[in-house]
Amino acid sequence: MGNFVQGKDPTPHKELIEKLMDPAIPKTESEWAAKKEIIKLRAEIKRKDAALRHALHGLENVYMPYADYVIKTKQALSTKEDSDGS
């Protein structure tokens, strides 16, 4: 089952990533490639997160006035129903 030494727990994921990202620790060619890929993926996540936040901010600006209108209308209708005895 895997390449684990019997009786030895595998290194935790977080620790492996920290070792890969540490510039003071020598790396094999495959470790350098893994580090480069991690950096690329982290940058992509940041770009997509920023784009999503920008899009959500735009939606808030478009829909919030309508949300306020809906809330006020619901409040007015519920007040009207209460006064009608419903």
PDB file of N, CA and C in Angstrom:
ATOM      1  N   MET A   1       0.845  -1.181   0.000  1.00  0.00           N
ATOM      2  CA  MET A   1       0.000   0.000   0.000  1.00  0.00           C
ATOM      3  C   MET A   1       0.887   1.239   0.000  1.00  0.00           C
ATOM      4  N   GLY A   2       1.185   1.794  -1.145  1.00  0.00           N
ATOM      5  CA  GLY A   2       2.004   2.991  -1.219  1.00  0.00           C
ATOM      6  C   GLY A   2       3.475   2.691  -1.001  1.00  0.00           C
ATOM      7  N   ASN A   3       4.258   3.737  -0.920  1.00  0.00           N
ATOM      8  CA  ASN A   3       5.706   3.600  -0.715  1.00  0.00           C
ATOM      9  C   ASN A   3       6.103   3.952   0.707  1.00  0.00           C
ATOM     10  N   PHE A   4       5.288   3.632   1.672  1.00  0.00           N
ATOM     11  CA  PHE A   4       5.546   3.996   3.057  1.00  0.00           C
ATOM     12  C   PHE A   4       6.361   2.913   3.748  1.00  0.00           C
ATOM     13  N   VAL A   5       7.283   3.357   4.589  1.00  0.00           N
ATOM     14  CA  VAL A   5       8.046   2.437   5.418  1.00  0.00           C
ATOM     15  C   VAL A   5       7.098   1.911   6.487  1.00  0.00           C
ATOM     16  N   GLN A   6       7.107   0.600   6.675  1.00  0.00           N
ATOM     17  CA  GLN A   6       6.197   0.009   7.637  1.00  0.00           C
ATOM     18  C   GLN A   6       6.430   0.591   9.024  1.00  0.00           C
ATOM     19  N   GLY A   7       5.330   1.015   9.683  1.00  0.00           N
ATOM     20  CA  GLY A   7       5.407   1.566  11.018  1.00  0.00           C
ATOM     21  C   GLY A   7       5.710   3.059  11.052  1.00  0.00           C
ATOM     22  N   LYS A   8       5.875   3.698   9.892  1.00  0.00           N
ATOM     23  CA  LYS A   8       6.173   5.127   9.843  1.00  0.00           C
ATOM     24  C   LYS A   8       5.011   5.855   9.172  1.00  0.00           C
ATOM     25  N   ASP A   9       4.532   6.900   9.836  1.00  0.00           N
ATOM     26  CA  ASP A   9       3.436   7.685   9.269  1.00  0.00           C
ATOM     27  C   ASP A   9       3.959   8.558   8.139  1.00  0.00           C
ATOM     28  N   PRO A  10       3.142   8.790   7.116  1.00  0.00           N
ATOM     29  CA  PRO A  10       3.563   9.684   6.039  1.00  0.00           C
ATOM     30  C   PRO A  10       3.665  11.129   6.548  1.00  0.00           C
ATOM     31  N   THR A  11       4.488  11.920   5.880  1.00  0.00           N
ATOM     32  CA  THR A  11       4.647  13.327   6.252  1.00  0.00           C
ATOM     33  C   THR A  11       3.343  14.065   5.970  1.00  0.00           C
ATOM     34  N   PRO A  12       2.866  14.878   6.917  1.00  0.00           N
ATOM     35  CA  PRO A  12       1.630  15.637   6.681  1.00  0.00           C
ATOM     36  C   PRO A  12       1.756  16.551   5.455  1.00  0.00           C
ATOM     37  N   HIS A  13       0.667  16.726   4.745  1.00  0.00           N
ATOM     38  CA  HIS A  13       0.626  17.506   3.511  1.00  0.00           C
ATOM     39  C   HIS A  13       1.189  18.906   3.713  1.00  0.00           C
ATOM     40  N   LYS A  14       0.744  19.581   4.757  1.00  0.00           N
ATOM     41  CA  LYS A  14       1.184  20.953   5.012  1.00  0.00           C
ATOM     42  C   LYS A  14       2.709  21.021   5.154  1.00  0.00           C
ATOM     43  N   GLU A  15       3.268  20.045   5.837  1.00  0.00           N
ATOM     44  CA  GLU A  15       4.720  20.012   6.031  1.00  0.00           C
ATOM     45  C   GLU A  15       5.439  19.784   4.702  1.00  0.00           C
ATOM     46  N   LEU A  16       4.905  18.931   3.861  1.00  0.00           N
ATOM     47  CA  LEU A  16       5.512  18.687   2.546  1.00  0.00           C
ATOM     48  C   LEU A  16       5.534  19.968   1.713  1.00  0.00           C
ATOM     49  N   ILE A  17       4.410  20.696   1.717  1.00  0.00           N
ATOM     50  CA  ILE A  17       4.318  21.945   0.949  1.00  0.00           C
ATOM     51  C   ILE A  17       5.317  22.961   1.502  1.00  0.00           C
ATOM     52  N   GLU A  18       5.396  23.077   2.824  1.00  0.00           N
ATOM     53  CA  GLU A  18       6.341  24.012   3.434  1.00  0.00           C
ATOM     54  C   GLU A  18       7.779  23.689   3.011  1.00  0.00           C
ATOM     55  N   LYS A  19       8.131  22.410   2.992  1.00  0.00           N
ATOM     56  CA  LYS A  19       9.481  22.001   2.581  1.00  0.00           C
ATOM     57  C   LYS A  19       9.722  22.325   1.114  1.00  0.00           C
ATOM     58  N   LEU A  20       8.711  22.090   0.276  1.00  0.00           N
ATOM     59  CA  LEU A  20       8.860  22.401  -1.145  1.00  0.00           C
ATOM     60  C   LEU A  20       9.055  23.895  -1.383  1.00  0.00           C
ATOM     61  N   MET A  21       8.364  24.715  -0.611  1.00  0.00           N
ATOM     62  CA  MET A  21       8.402  26.157  -0.823  1.00  0.00           C
ATOM     63  C   MET A  21       9.607  26.820  -0.157  1.00  0.00           C
ATOM     64  N   ASP A  22      10.275  26.128   0.752  1.00  0.00           N
ATOM     65  CA  ASP A  22      11.414  26.692   1.472  1.00  0.00           C
ATOM     66  C   ASP A  22      12.631  26.763   0.540  1.00  0.00           C
ATOM     67  N   PRO A  23      13.103  27.983   0.236  1.00  0.00           N
ATOM     68  CA  PRO A  23      14.241  28.101  -0.687  1.00  0.00           C
ATOM     69  C   PRO A  23      15.555  27.596  -0.095  1.00  0.00           C
ATOM     70  N   ALA A  24      15.628  27.432   1.203  1.00  0.00           N
ATOM     71  CA  ALA A  24      16.870  26.986   1.843  1.00  0.00           C
ATOM     72  C   ALA A  24      17.066  25.471   1.757  1.00  0.00           C
ATOM     73  N   ILE A  25      16.002  24.750   1.417  1.00  0.00           N
ATOM     74  CA  ILE A  25      16.091  23.287   1.346  1.00  0.00           C
ATOM     75  C   ILE A  25      16.395  22.872  -0.094  1.00  0.00           C
ATOM     76  N   PRO A  26      17.479  22.109  -0.310  1.00  0.00           N
ATOM     77  CA  PRO A  26      17.804  21.645  -1.670  1.00  0.00           C
ATOM     78  C   PRO A  26      16.676  20.772  -2.233  1.00  0.00           C
ATOM     79  N   LYS A  27      16.486  20.862  -3.553  1.00  0.00           N
ATOM     80  CA  LYS A  27      15.393  20.137  -4.184  1.00  0.00           C
ATOM     81  C   LYS A  27      15.865  19.342  -5.398  1.00  0.00           C
ATOM     82  N   THR A  28      15.130  18.262  -5.656  1.00  0.00           N
ATOM     83  CA  THR A  28      15.368  17.498  -6.875  1.00  0.00           C
ATOM     84  C   THR A  28      14.677  18.230  -8.024  1.00  0.00           C
ATOM     85  N   GLU A  29      14.916  17.767  -9.232  1.00  0.00           N
ATOM     86  CA  GLU A  29      14.286  18.382 -10.411  1.00  0.00           C
ATOM     87  C   GLU A  29      12.762  18.298 -10.322  1.00  0.00           C
ATOM     88  N   SER A  30      12.244  17.171  -9.868  1.00  0.00           N
ATOM     89  CA  SER A  30      10.785  17.026  -9.772  1.00  0.00           C
ATOM     90  C   SER A  30      10.211  17.916  -8.667  1.00  0.00           C
ATOM     91  N   GLU A  31      10.988  18.121  -7.599  1.00  0.00           N
ATOM     92  CA  GLU A  31      10.515  19.016  -6.531  1.00  0.00           C
ATOM     93  C   GLU A  31      10.485  20.459  -7.017  1.00  0.00           C
ATOM     94  N   TRP A  32      11.497  20.864  -7.821  1.00  0.00           N
ATOM     95  CA  TRP A  32      11.476  22.213  -8.392  1.00  0.00           C
ATOM     96  C   TRP A  32      10.262  22.388  -9.299  1.00  0.00           C
ATOM     97  N   ALA A  33       9.946  21.367 -10.088  1.00  0.00           N
ATOM     98  CA  ALA A  33       8.783  21.433 -10.973  1.00  0.00           C
ATOM     99  C   ALA A  33       7.492  21.531 -10.158  1.00  0.00           C
ATOM    100  N   ALA A  34       7.420  20.771  -9.074  1.00  0.00           N
ATOM    101  CA  ALA A  34       6.234  20.818  -8.208  1.00  0.00           C
ATOM    102  C   ALA A  34       6.088  22.201  -7.582  1.00  0.00           C
ATOM    103  N   LYS A  35       7.209  22.769  -7.135  1.00  0.00           N
ATOM    104  CA  LYS A  35       7.179  24.106  -6.535  1.00  0.00           C
ATOM    105  C   LYS A  35       6.694  25.137  -7.557  1.00  0.00           C
ATOM    106  N   LYS A  36       7.219  25.048  -8.767  1.00  0.00           N
ATOM    107  CA  LYS A  36       6.812  25.981  -9.827  1.00  0.00           C
ATOM    108  C   LYS A  36       5.311  25.857 -10.099  1.00  0.00           C
ATOM    109  N   GLU A  37       4.808  24.638 -10.119  1.00  0.00           N
ATOM    110  CA  GLU A  37       3.375  24.406 -10.365  1.00  0.00           C
ATOM    111  C   GLU A  37       2.529  24.961  -9.215  1.00  0.00           C
ATOM    112  N   ILE A  38       2.980  24.787  -7.978  1.00  0.00           N
ATOM    113  CA  ILE A  38       2.259  25.324  -6.817  1.00  0.00           C
ATOM    114  C   ILE A  38       2.182  26.842  -6.908  1.00  0.00           C
ATOM    115  N   ILE A  39       3.301  27.476  -7.251  1.00  0.00           N
ATOM    116  CA  ILE A  39       3.318  28.943  -7.381  1.00  0.00           C
ATOM    117  C   ILE A  39       2.345  29.387  -8.468  1.00  0.00           C
ATOM    118  N   LYS A  40       2.360  28.681  -9.599  1.00  0.00           N
ATOM    119  CA  LYS A  40       1.465  29.019 -10.714  1.00  0.00           C
ATOM    120  C   LYS A  40      -0.004  28.866 -10.294  1.00  0.00           C
ATOM    121  N   LEU A  41      -0.326  27.775  -9.630  1.00  0.00           N
ATOM    122  CA  LEU A  41      -1.711  27.528  -9.218  1.00  0.00           C
ATOM    123  C   LEU A  41      -2.178  28.524  -8.158  1.00  0.00           C
ATOM    124  N   ARG A  42      -1.287  28.872  -7.230  1.00  0.00           N
ATOM    125  CA  ARG A  42      -1.653  29.871  -6.219  1.00  0.00           C
ATOM    126  C   ARG A  42      -1.936  31.224  -6.875  1.00  0.00           C
ATOM    127  N   ALA A  43      -1.138  31.600  -7.871  1.00  0.00           N
ATOM    128  CA  ALA A  43      -1.362  32.864  -8.588  1.00  0.00           C
ATOM    129  C   ALA A  43      -2.691  32.818  -9.337  1.00  0.00           C
ATOM    130  N   GLU A  44      -2.990  31.675  -9.939  1.00  0.00           N
ATOM    131  CA  GLU A  44      -4.263  31.529 -10.660  1.00  0.00           C
ATOM    132  C   GLU A  44      -5.449  31.645  -9.703  1.00  0.00           C
ATOM    133  N   ILE A  45      -5.333  31.050  -8.531  1.00  0.00           N
ATOM    134  CA  ILE A  45      -6.397  31.149  -7.526  1.00  0.00           C
ATOM    135  C   ILE A  45      -6.598  32.605  -7.119  1.00  0.00           C
ATOM    136  N   LYS A  46      -5.500  33.336  -6.908  1.00  0.00           N
ATOM    137  CA  LYS A  46      -5.605  34.751  -6.530  1.00  0.00           C
ATOM    138  C   LYS A  46      -6.297  35.555  -7.625  1.00  0.00           C
ATOM    139  N   ARG A  47      -5.923  35.316  -8.893  1.00  0.00           N
ATOM    140  CA  ARG A  47      -6.546  36.040 -10.013  1.00  0.00           C
ATOM    141  C   ARG A  47      -8.040  35.745 -10.095  1.00  0.00           C
ATOM    142  N   LYS A  48      -8.392  34.469  -9.980  1.00  0.00           N
ATOM    143  CA  LYS A  48      -9.810  34.099 -10.077  1.00  0.00           C
ATOM    144  C   LYS A  48     -10.603  34.628  -8.886  1.00  0.00           C
ATOM    145  N   ASP A  49     -10.001  34.617  -7.706  1.00  0.00           N
ATOM    146  CA  ASP A  49     -10.661  35.156  -6.525  1.00  0.00           C
ATOM    147  C   ASP A  49     -10.922  36.647  -6.702  1.00  0.00           C
ATOM    148  N   ALA A  50      -9.917  37.374  -7.203  1.00  0.00           N
ATOM    149  CA  ALA A  50     -10.079  38.811  -7.427  1.00  0.00           C
ATOM    150  C   ALA A  50     -11.171  39.076  -8.461  1.00  0.00           C
ATOM    151  N   ALA A  51     -11.195  38.289  -9.524  1.00  0.00           N
ATOM    152  CA  ALA A  51     -12.220  38.469 -10.552  1.00  0.00           C
ATOM    153  C   ALA A  51     -13.607  38.182  -9.994  1.00  0.00           C
ATOM    154  N   LEU A  52     -13.724  37.148  -9.176  1.00  0.00           N
ATOM    155  CA  LEU A  52     -15.010  36.809  -8.579  1.00  0.00           C
ATOM    156  C   LEU A  52     -15.476  37.906  -7.629  1.00  0.00           C
ATOM    157  N   ARG A  53     -14.554  38.405  -6.807  1.00  0.00           N
ATOM    158  CA  ARG A  53     -14.906  39.501  -5.896  1.00  0.00           C
ATOM    159  C   ARG A  53     -15.348  40.734  -6.663  1.00  0.00           C
ATOM    160  N   HIS A  54     -14.680  41.029  -7.775  1.00  0.00           N
ATOM    161  CA  HIS A  54     -15.054  42.171  -8.606  1.00  0.00           C
ATOM    162  C   HIS A  54     -16.454  41.968  -9.189  1.00  0.00           C
ATOM    163  N   ALA A  55     -16.723  40.764  -9.671  1.00  0.00           N
ATOM    164  CA  ALA A  55     -18.038  40.462 -10.238  1.00  0.00           C
ATOM    165  C   ALA A  55     -19.130  40.552  -9.177  1.00  0.00           C
ATOM    166  N   LEU A  56     -18.860  40.028  -7.990  1.00  0.00           N
ATOM    167  CA  LEU A  56     -19.852  40.084  -6.912  1.00  0.00           C
ATOM    168  C   LEU A  56     -20.119  41.524  -6.483  1.00  0.00           C
ATOM    169  N   HIS A  57     -19.064  42.332  -6.451  1.00  0.00           N
ATOM    170  CA  HIS A  57     -19.237  43.741  -6.097  1.00  0.00           C
ATOM    171  C   HIS A  57     -20.141  44.423  -7.122  1.00  0.00           C
ATOM    172  N   GLY A  58     -19.940  44.097  -8.402  1.00  0.00           N
ATOM    173  CA  GLY A  58     -20.792  44.655  -9.456  1.00  0.00           C
ATOM    174  C   GLY A  58     -22.241  44.225  -9.283  1.00  0.00           C
ATOM    175  N   LEU A  59     -22.455  42.961  -8.935  1.00  0.00           N
ATOM    176  CA  LEU A  59     -23.825  42.475  -8.728  1.00  0.00           C
ATOM    177  C   LEU A  59     -24.480  43.162  -7.539  1.00  0.00           C
ATOM    178  N   GLU A  60     -23.709  43.393  -6.479  1.00  0.00           N
ATOM    179  CA  GLU A  60     -24.262  44.097  -5.318  1.00  0.00           C
ATOM    180  C   GLU A  60     -24.728  45.485  -5.715  1.00  0.00           C
ATOM    181  N   ASN A  61     -23.932  46.163  -6.538  1.00  0.00           N
ATOM    182  CA  ASN A  61     -24.307  47.507  -6.968  1.00  0.00           C
ATOM    183  C   ASN A  61     -25.558  47.497  -7.835  1.00  0.00           C
ATOM    184  N   VAL A  62     -25.745  46.442  -8.593  1.00  0.00           N
ATOM    185  CA  VAL A  62     -26.911  46.346  -9.472  1.00  0.00           C
ATOM    186  C   VAL A  62     -28.159  45.936  -8.699  1.00  0.00           C
ATOM    187  N   TYR A  63     -28.031  44.942  -7.833  1.00  0.00           N
ATOM    188  CA  TYR A  63     -29.206  44.354  -7.205  1.00  0.00           C
ATOM    189  C   TYR A  63     -29.571  44.917  -5.835  1.00  0.00           C
ATOM    190  N   MET A  64     -28.643  45.544  -5.143  1.00  0.00           N
ATOM    191  CA  MET A  64     -28.963  46.043  -3.800  1.00  0.00           C
ATOM    192  C   MET A  64     -30.105  47.058  -3.795  1.00  0.00           C
ATOM    193  N   PRO A  65     -30.167  48.006  -4.744  1.00  0.00           N
ATOM    194  CA  PRO A  65     -31.320  48.913  -4.734  1.00  0.00           C
ATOM    195  C   PRO A  65     -32.643  48.155  -4.852  1.00  0.00           C
ATOM    196  N   TYR A  66     -32.651  47.086  -5.653  1.00  0.00           N
ATOM    197  CA  TYR A  66     -33.867  46.287  -5.792  1.00  0.00           C
ATOM    198  C   TYR A  66     -34.165  45.523  -4.512  1.00  0.00           C
ATOM    199  N   ALA A  67     -33.123  45.032  -3.861  1.00  0.00           N
ATOM    200  CA  ALA A  67     -33.320  44.310  -2.601  1.00  0.00           C
ATOM    201  C   ALA A  67     -33.940  45.238  -1.566  1.00  0.00           C
ATOM    202  N   ASP A  68     -33.457  46.472  -1.485  1.00  0.00           N
ATOM    203  CA  ASP A  68     -34.036  47.442  -0.557  1.00  0.00           C
ATOM    204  C   ASP A  68     -35.512  47.675  -0.886  1.00  0.00           C
ATOM    205  N   TYR A  69     -35.818  47.797  -2.177  1.00  0.00           N
ATOM    206  CA  TYR A  69     -37.201  48.006  -2.614  1.00  0.00           C
ATOM    207  C   TYR A  69     -38.078  46.821  -2.207  1.00  0.00           C
ATOM    208  N   VAL A  70     -37.578  45.607  -2.418  1.00  0.00           N
ATOM    209  CA  VAL A  70     -38.342  44.400  -2.074  1.00  0.00           C
ATOM    210  C   VAL A  70     -38.594  44.345  -0.569  1.00  0.00           C
ATOM    211  N   ILE A  71     -37.579  44.639   0.210  1.00  0.00           N
ATOM    212  CA  ILE A  71     -37.734  44.601   1.669  1.00  0.00           C
ATOM    213  C   ILE A  71     -38.764  45.629   2.122  1.00  0.00           C
ATOM    214  N   LYS A  72     -38.670  46.845   1.608  1.00  0.00           N
ATOM    215  CA  LYS A  72     -39.617  47.897   1.983  1.00  0.00           C
ATOM    216  C   LYS A  72     -41.030  47.539   1.542  1.00  0.00           C
ATOM    217  N   THR A  73     -41.167  46.938   0.353  1.00  0.00           N
ATOM    218  CA  THR A  73     -42.483  46.541  -0.140  1.00  0.00           C
ATOM    219  C   THR A  73     -43.072  45.444   0.735  1.00  0.00           C
ATOM    220  N   LYS A  74     -42.267  44.454   1.108  1.00  0.00           N
ATOM    221  CA  LYS A  74     -42.750  43.384   1.988  1.00  0.00           C
ATOM    222  C   LYS A  74     -43.180  43.952   3.333  1.00  0.00           C
ATOM    223  N   GLN A  75     -42.388  44.878   3.856  1.00  0.00           N
ATOM    224  CA  GLN A  75     -42.751  45.494   5.137  1.00  0.00           C
ATOM    225  C   GLN A  75     -44.069  46.257   5.005  1.00  0.00           C
ATOM    226  N   ALA A  76     -44.217  46.991   3.909  1.00  0.00           N
ATOM    227  CA  ALA A  76     -45.457  47.753   3.702  1.00  0.00           C
ATOM    228  C   ALA A  76     -46.647  46.817   3.565  1.00  0.00           C
ATOM    229  N   LEU A  77     -46.477  45.729   2.851  1.00  0.00           N
ATOM    230  CA  LEU A  77     -47.581  44.773   2.662  1.00  0.00           C
ATOM    231  C   LEU A  77     -47.933  44.089   3.977  1.00  0.00           C
ATOM    232  N   SER A  78     -46.933  43.730   4.763  1.00  0.00           N
ATOM    233  CA  SER A  78     -47.227  43.066   6.035  1.00  0.00           C
ATOM    234  C   SER A  78     -47.904  44.044   6.993  1.00  0.00           C
ATOM    235  N   THR A  79     -47.520  45.298   6.936  1.00  0.00           N
ATOM    236  CA  THR A  79     -48.183  46.317   7.767  1.00  0.00           C
ATOM    237  C   THR A  79     -49.617  46.496   7.313  1.00  0.00           C
ATOM    238  N   LYS A  80     -49.856  46.488   6.015  1.00  0.00           N
ATOM    239  CA  LYS A  80     -51.211  46.626   5.473  1.00  0.00           C
ATOM    240  C   LYS A  80     -52.076  45.439   5.878  1.00  0.00           C
ATOM    241  N   GLU A  81     -51.494  44.210   5.801  1.00  0.00           N
ATOM    242  CA  GLU A  81     -52.251  43.027   6.189  1.00  0.00           C
ATOM    243  C   GLU A  81     -52.615  43.066   7.669  1.00  0.00           C
ATOM    244  N   ASP A  82     -51.700  43.540   8.492  1.00  0.00           N
ATOM    245  CA  ASP A  82     -51.964  43.646   9.945  1.00  0.00           C
ATOM    246  C   ASP A  82     -53.084  44.630  10.202  1.00  0.00           C
ATOM    247  N   SER A  83     -53.117  45.731   9.478  1.00  0.00           N
ATOM    248  CA  SER A  83     -54.151  46.741   9.720  1.00  0.00           C
ATOM    249  C   SER A  83     -55.488  46.292   9.141  1.00  0.00           C
ATOM    250  N   ASP A  84     -55.472  45.397   8.123  1.00  0.00           N
ATOM    251  CA  ASP A  84     -56.719  44.881   7.532  1.00  0.00           C
ATOM    252  C   ASP A  84     -57.332  43.786   8.409  1.00  0.00           C
ATOM    253  N   GLY A  85     -56.580  43.318   9.383  1.00  0.00           N
ATOM    254  CA  GLY A  85     -57.074  42.262  10.264  1.00  0.00           C
ATOM    255  C   GLY A  85     -56.821  40.875   9.722  1.00  0.00           C
ATOM    256  N   SER A  86     -55.970  40.762   8.732  1.00  0.00           N
ATOM    257  CA  SER A  86     -55.655  39.461   8.135  1.00  0.00           C
ATOM    258  C   SER A  86     -54.753  38.660   9.013  1.00  0.00           C
TER     259      SER A  86
END
